[in-house]
Amino acid sequence: DQHYVDSLPLISHKTISLDDHESILQQMADGNIAERDAILQALNEDQYNHIT
């Protein structure tokens, strides 16, 4: 079903390695997207916003 494929996230913190997860978090923090704690909170709460 094409609609199902279109609704899947591009990446999920639940399906990538811990090293990749940490690397992406660091790059997001370094790029001033948000502070690390805010990024983790957004991920843990499954928020859909400018951070996630």
PDB file of N, CA and C in Angstrom:
ATOM      1  N   ASP A   1       0.854  -1.184   0.000  1.00  0.00           N
ATOM      2  CA  ASP A   1       0.000   0.000   0.000  1.00  0.00           C
ATOM      3  C   ASP A   1       0.892   1.237   0.000  1.00  0.00           C
ATOM      4  N   GLN A   2       0.784   2.067  -1.015  1.00  0.00           N
ATOM      5  CA  GLN A   2       1.649   3.241  -1.158  1.00  0.00           C
ATOM      6  C   GLN A   2       1.461   4.227  -0.011  1.00  0.00           C
ATOM      7  N   HIS A   3       0.224   4.404   0.462  1.00  0.00           N
ATOM      8  CA  HIS A   3      -0.007   5.334   1.571  1.00  0.00           C
ATOM      9  C   HIS A   3       0.796   4.915   2.800  1.00  0.00           C
ATOM     10  N   TYR A   4       0.858   3.634   3.077  1.00  0.00           N
ATOM     11  CA  TYR A   4       1.622   3.126   4.220  1.00  0.00           C
ATOM     12  C   TYR A   4       3.095   3.481   4.072  1.00  0.00           C
ATOM     13  N   VAL A   5       3.657   3.299   2.895  1.00  0.00           N
ATOM     14  CA  VAL A   5       5.066   3.607   2.658  1.00  0.00           C
ATOM     15  C   VAL A   5       5.324   5.092   2.834  1.00  0.00           C
ATOM     16  N   ASP A   6       4.421   5.934   2.363  1.00  0.00           N
ATOM     17  CA  ASP A   6       4.590   7.378   2.479  1.00  0.00           C
ATOM     18  C   ASP A   6       4.538   7.855   3.923  1.00  0.00           C
ATOM     19  N   SER A   7       3.907   7.096   4.801  1.00  0.00           N
ATOM     20  CA  SER A   7       3.754   7.538   6.176  1.00  0.00           C
ATOM     21  C   SER A   7       4.853   7.028   7.101  1.00  0.00           C
ATOM     22  N   LEU A   8       5.764   6.216   6.602  1.00  0.00           N
ATOM     23  CA  LEU A   8       6.852   5.714   7.436  1.00  0.00           C
ATOM     24  C   LEU A   8       7.895   6.802   7.665  1.00  0.00           C
ATOM     25  N   PRO A   9       8.476   6.873   8.852  1.00  0.00           N
ATOM     26  CA  PRO A   9       9.546   7.846   9.087  1.00  0.00           C
ATOM     27  C   PRO A   9      10.780   7.474   8.269  1.00  0.00           C
ATOM     28  N   LEU A  10      11.571   8.479   7.933  1.00  0.00           N
ATOM     29  CA  LEU A  10      12.797   8.221   7.195  1.00  0.00           C
ATOM     30  C   LEU A  10      13.794   7.454   8.042  1.00  0.00           C
ATOM     31  N   ILE A  11      13.783   7.722   9.327  1.00  0.00           N
ATOM     32  CA  ILE A  11      14.693   7.044  10.245  1.00  0.00           C
ATOM     33  C   ILE A  11      14.004   6.971  11.605  1.00  0.00           C
ATOM     34  N   SER A  12      14.347   6.002  12.373  1.00  0.00           N
ATOM     35  CA  SER A  12      13.777   5.860  13.704  1.00  0.00           C
ATOM     36  C   SER A  12      14.901   5.578  14.685  1.00  0.00           C
ATOM     37  N   HIS A  13      14.876   6.253  15.817  1.00  0.00           N
ATOM     38  CA  HIS A  13      15.915   6.011  16.817  1.00  0.00           C
ATOM     39  C   HIS A  13      15.842   4.592  17.358  1.00  0.00           C
ATOM     40  N   LYS A  14      14.771   3.906  17.072  1.00  0.00           N
ATOM     41  CA  LYS A  14      14.608   2.540  17.558  1.00  0.00           C
ATOM     42  C   LYS A  14      15.202   1.512  16.605  1.00  0.00           C
ATOM     43  N   THR A  15      15.573   1.923  15.396  1.00  0.00           N
ATOM     44  CA  THR A  15      16.063   0.962  14.408  1.00  0.00           C
ATOM     45  C   THR A  15      17.495   1.217  13.975  1.00  0.00           C
ATOM     46  N   ILE A  16      18.168   2.186  14.569  1.00  0.00           N
ATOM     47  CA  ILE A  16      19.561   2.456  14.201  1.00  0.00           C
ATOM     48  C   ILE A  16      20.473   2.072  15.363  1.00  0.00           C
ATOM     49  N   SER A  17      21.737   1.918  15.064  1.00  0.00           N
ATOM     50  CA  SER A  17      22.689   1.530  16.110  1.00  0.00           C
ATOM     51  C   SER A  17      22.853   2.659  17.126  1.00  0.00           C
ATOM     52  N   LEU A  18      23.306   2.313  18.310  1.00  0.00           N
ATOM     53  CA  LEU A  18      23.545   3.304  19.354  1.00  0.00           C
ATOM     54  C   LEU A  18      24.586   4.316  18.899  1.00  0.00           C
ATOM     55  N   ASP A  19      25.627   3.858  18.209  1.00  0.00           N
ATOM     56  CA  ASP A  19      26.655   4.776  17.703  1.00  0.00           C
ATOM     57  C   ASP A  19      26.071   5.776  16.719  1.00  0.00           C
ATOM     58  N   ASP A  20      25.229   5.300  15.795  1.00  0.00           N
ATOM     59  CA  ASP A  20      24.590   6.203  14.836  1.00  0.00           C
ATOM     60  C   ASP A  20      23.657   7.176  15.547  1.00  0.00           C
ATOM     61  N   HIS A  21      22.916   6.674  16.510  1.00  0.00           N
ATOM     62  CA  HIS A  21      22.001   7.511  17.294  1.00  0.00           C
ATOM     63  C   HIS A  21      22.774   8.639  17.973  1.00  0.00           C
ATOM     64  N   GLU A  22      23.875   8.299  18.617  1.00  0.00           N
ATOM     65  CA  GLU A  22      24.692   9.300  19.306  1.00  0.00           C
ATOM     66  C   GLU A  22      25.290  10.302  18.323  1.00  0.00           C
ATOM     67  N   SER A  23      25.739   9.814  17.175  1.00  0.00           N
ATOM     68  CA  SER A  23      26.321  10.691  16.160  1.00  0.00           C
ATOM     69  C   SER A  23      25.292  11.698  15.647  1.00  0.00           C
ATOM     70  N   ILE A  24      24.090  11.225  15.370  1.00  0.00           N
ATOM     71  CA  ILE A  24      23.030  12.115  14.880  1.00  0.00           C
ATOM     72  C   ILE A  24      22.648  13.132  15.948  1.00  0.00           C
ATOM     73  N   LEU A  25      22.532  12.688  17.200  1.00  0.00           N
ATOM     74  CA  LEU A  25      22.233  13.617  18.294  1.00  0.00           C
ATOM     75  C   LEU A  25      23.286  14.712  18.384  1.00  0.00           C
ATOM     76  N   GLN A  26      24.553  14.326  18.289  1.00  0.00           N
ATOM     77  CA  GLN A  26      25.634  15.296  18.386  1.00  0.00           C
ATOM     78  C   GLN A  26      25.594  16.281  17.222  1.00  0.00           C
ATOM     79  N   GLN A  27      25.351  15.787  16.018  1.00  0.00           N
ATOM     80  CA  GLN A  27      25.274  16.661  14.848  1.00  0.00           C
ATOM     81  C   GLN A  27      24.106  17.642  14.964  1.00  0.00           C
ATOM     82  N   MET A  28      22.985  17.169  15.494  1.00  0.00           N
ATOM     83  CA  MET A  28      21.833  18.052  15.673  1.00  0.00           C
ATOM     84  C   MET A  28      22.133  19.131  16.707  1.00  0.00           C
ATOM     85  N   ALA A  29      22.770  18.752  17.799  1.00  0.00           N
ATOM     86  CA  ALA A  29      23.127  19.724  18.831  1.00  0.00           C
ATOM     87  C   ALA A  29      24.167  20.707  18.299  1.00  0.00           C
ATOM     88  N   ASP A  30      25.173  20.202  17.594  1.00  0.00           N
ATOM     89  CA  ASP A  30      26.206  21.068  17.020  1.00  0.00           C
ATOM     90  C   ASP A  30      25.633  22.025  15.982  1.00  0.00           C
ATOM     91  N   GLY A  31      24.591  21.596  15.288  1.00  0.00           N
ATOM     92  CA  GLY A  31      23.948  22.425  14.269  1.00  0.00           C
ATOM     93  C   GLY A  31      22.899  23.367  14.839  1.00  0.00           C
ATOM     94  N   ASN A  32      22.819  23.432  16.160  1.00  0.00           N
ATOM     95  CA  ASN A  32      21.891  24.325  16.860  1.00  0.00           C
ATOM     96  C   ASN A  32      20.426  24.056  16.535  1.00  0.00           C
ATOM     97  N   ILE A  33      20.095  22.803  16.258  1.00  0.00           N
ATOM     98  CA  ILE A  33      18.688  22.452  16.059  1.00  0.00           C
ATOM     99  C   ILE A  33      17.967  22.516  17.398  1.00  0.00           C
ATOM    100  N   ALA A  34      18.608  21.984  18.419  1.00  0.00           N
ATOM    101  CA  ALA A  34      18.078  22.029  19.784  1.00  0.00           C
ATOM    102  C   ALA A  34      19.149  21.472  20.709  1.00  0.00           C
ATOM    103  N   GLU A  35      18.966  21.699  22.002  1.00  0.00           N
ATOM    104  CA  GLU A  35      19.878  21.101  22.969  1.00  0.00           C
ATOM    105  C   GLU A  35      19.598  19.608  23.066  1.00  0.00           C
ATOM    106  N   ARG A  36      20.608  18.873  23.446  1.00  0.00           N
ATOM    107  CA  ARG A  36      20.526  17.408  23.500  1.00  0.00           C
ATOM    108  C   ARG A  36      19.312  16.925  24.297  1.00  0.00           C
ATOM    109  N   ASP A  37      19.075  17.511  25.462  1.00  0.00           N
ATOM    110  CA  ASP A  37      17.945  17.085  26.295  1.00  0.00           C
ATOM    111  C   ASP A  37      16.610  17.305  25.591  1.00  0.00           C
ATOM    112  N   ALA A  38      16.482  18.407  24.869  1.00  0.00           N
ATOM    113  CA  ALA A  38      15.240  18.696  24.140  1.00  0.00           C
ATOM    114  C   ALA A  38      15.042  17.703  23.000  1.00  0.00           C
ATOM    115  N   ILE A  39      16.135  17.327  22.336  1.00  0.00           N
ATOM    116  CA  ILE A  39      16.055  16.342  21.252  1.00  0.00           C
ATOM    117  C   ILE A  39      15.593  14.998  21.807  1.00  0.00           C
ATOM    118  N   LEU A  40      16.218  14.565  22.892  1.00  0.00           N
ATOM    119  CA  LEU A  40      15.850  13.281  23.502  1.00  0.00           C
ATOM    120  C   LEU A  40      14.407  13.282  23.990  1.00  0.00           C
ATOM    121  N   GLN A  41      13.974  14.384  24.577  1.00  0.00           N
ATOM    122  CA  GLN A  41      12.593  14.474  25.043  1.00  0.00           C
ATOM    123  C   GLN A  41      11.628  14.381  23.864  1.00  0.00           C
ATOM    124  N   ALA A  42      11.925  15.085  22.777  1.00  0.00           N
ATOM    125  CA  ALA A  42      11.058  15.046  21.595  1.00  0.00           C
ATOM    126  C   ALA A  42      10.978  13.632  21.031  1.00  0.00           C
ATOM    127  N   LEU A  43      12.102  12.935  20.987  1.00  0.00           N
ATOM    128  CA  LEU A  43      12.102  11.556  20.490  1.00  0.00           C
ATOM    129  C   LEU A  43      11.314  10.627  21.406  1.00  0.00           C
ATOM    130  N   ASN A  44      11.555  10.741  22.697  1.00  0.00           N
ATOM    131  CA  ASN A  44      10.892   9.853  23.660  1.00  0.00           C
ATOM    132  C   ASN A  44       9.385  10.063  23.708  1.00  0.00           C
ATOM    133  N   GLU A  45       8.938  11.288  23.420  1.00  0.00           N
ATOM    134  CA  GLU A  45       7.508  11.598  23.449  1.00  0.00           C
ATOM    135  C   GLU A  45       6.871  11.478  22.070  1.00  0.00           C
ATOM    136  N   ASP A  46       7.629  11.004  21.078  1.00  0.00           N
ATOM    137  CA  ASP A  46       7.142  10.880  19.699  1.00  0.00           C
ATOM    138  C   ASP A  46       6.524  12.176  19.192  1.00  0.00           C
ATOM    139  N   GLN A  47       7.174  13.288  19.525  1.00  0.00           N
ATOM    140  CA  GLN A  47       6.688  14.578  19.055  1.00  0.00           C
ATOM    141  C   GLN A  47       6.933  14.706  17.555  1.00  0.00           C
ATOM    142  N   TYR A  48       6.108  15.484  16.910  1.00  0.00           N
ATOM    143  CA  TYR A  48       6.276  15.770  15.486  1.00  0.00           C
ATOM    144  C   TYR A  48       6.442  17.280  15.371  1.00  0.00           C
ATOM    145  N   ASN A  49       7.690  17.730  15.362  1.00  0.00           N
ATOM    146  CA  ASN A  49       7.965  19.164  15.345  1.00  0.00           C
ATOM    147  C   ASN A  49       9.283  19.433  14.630  1.00  0.00           C
ATOM    148  N   HIS A  50       9.792  20.661  14.760  1.00  0.00           N
ATOM    149  CA  HIS A  50      11.023  21.035  14.052  1.00  0.00           C
ATOM    150  C   HIS A  50      12.237  20.232  14.517  1.00  0.00           C
ATOM    151  N   ILE A  51      12.178  19.655  15.692  1.00  0.00           N
ATOM    152  CA  ILE A  51      13.300  18.862  16.190  1.00  0.00           C
ATOM    153  C   ILE A  51      13.289  17.475  15.568  1.00  0.00           C
ATOM    154  N   THR A  52      12.138  16.840  15.586  1.00  0.00           N
ATOM    155  CA  THR A  52      12.072  15.465  15.108  1.00  0.00           C
ATOM    156  C   THR A  52      11.860  15.398  13.628  1.00  0.00           C
TER     157      THR A  52
END
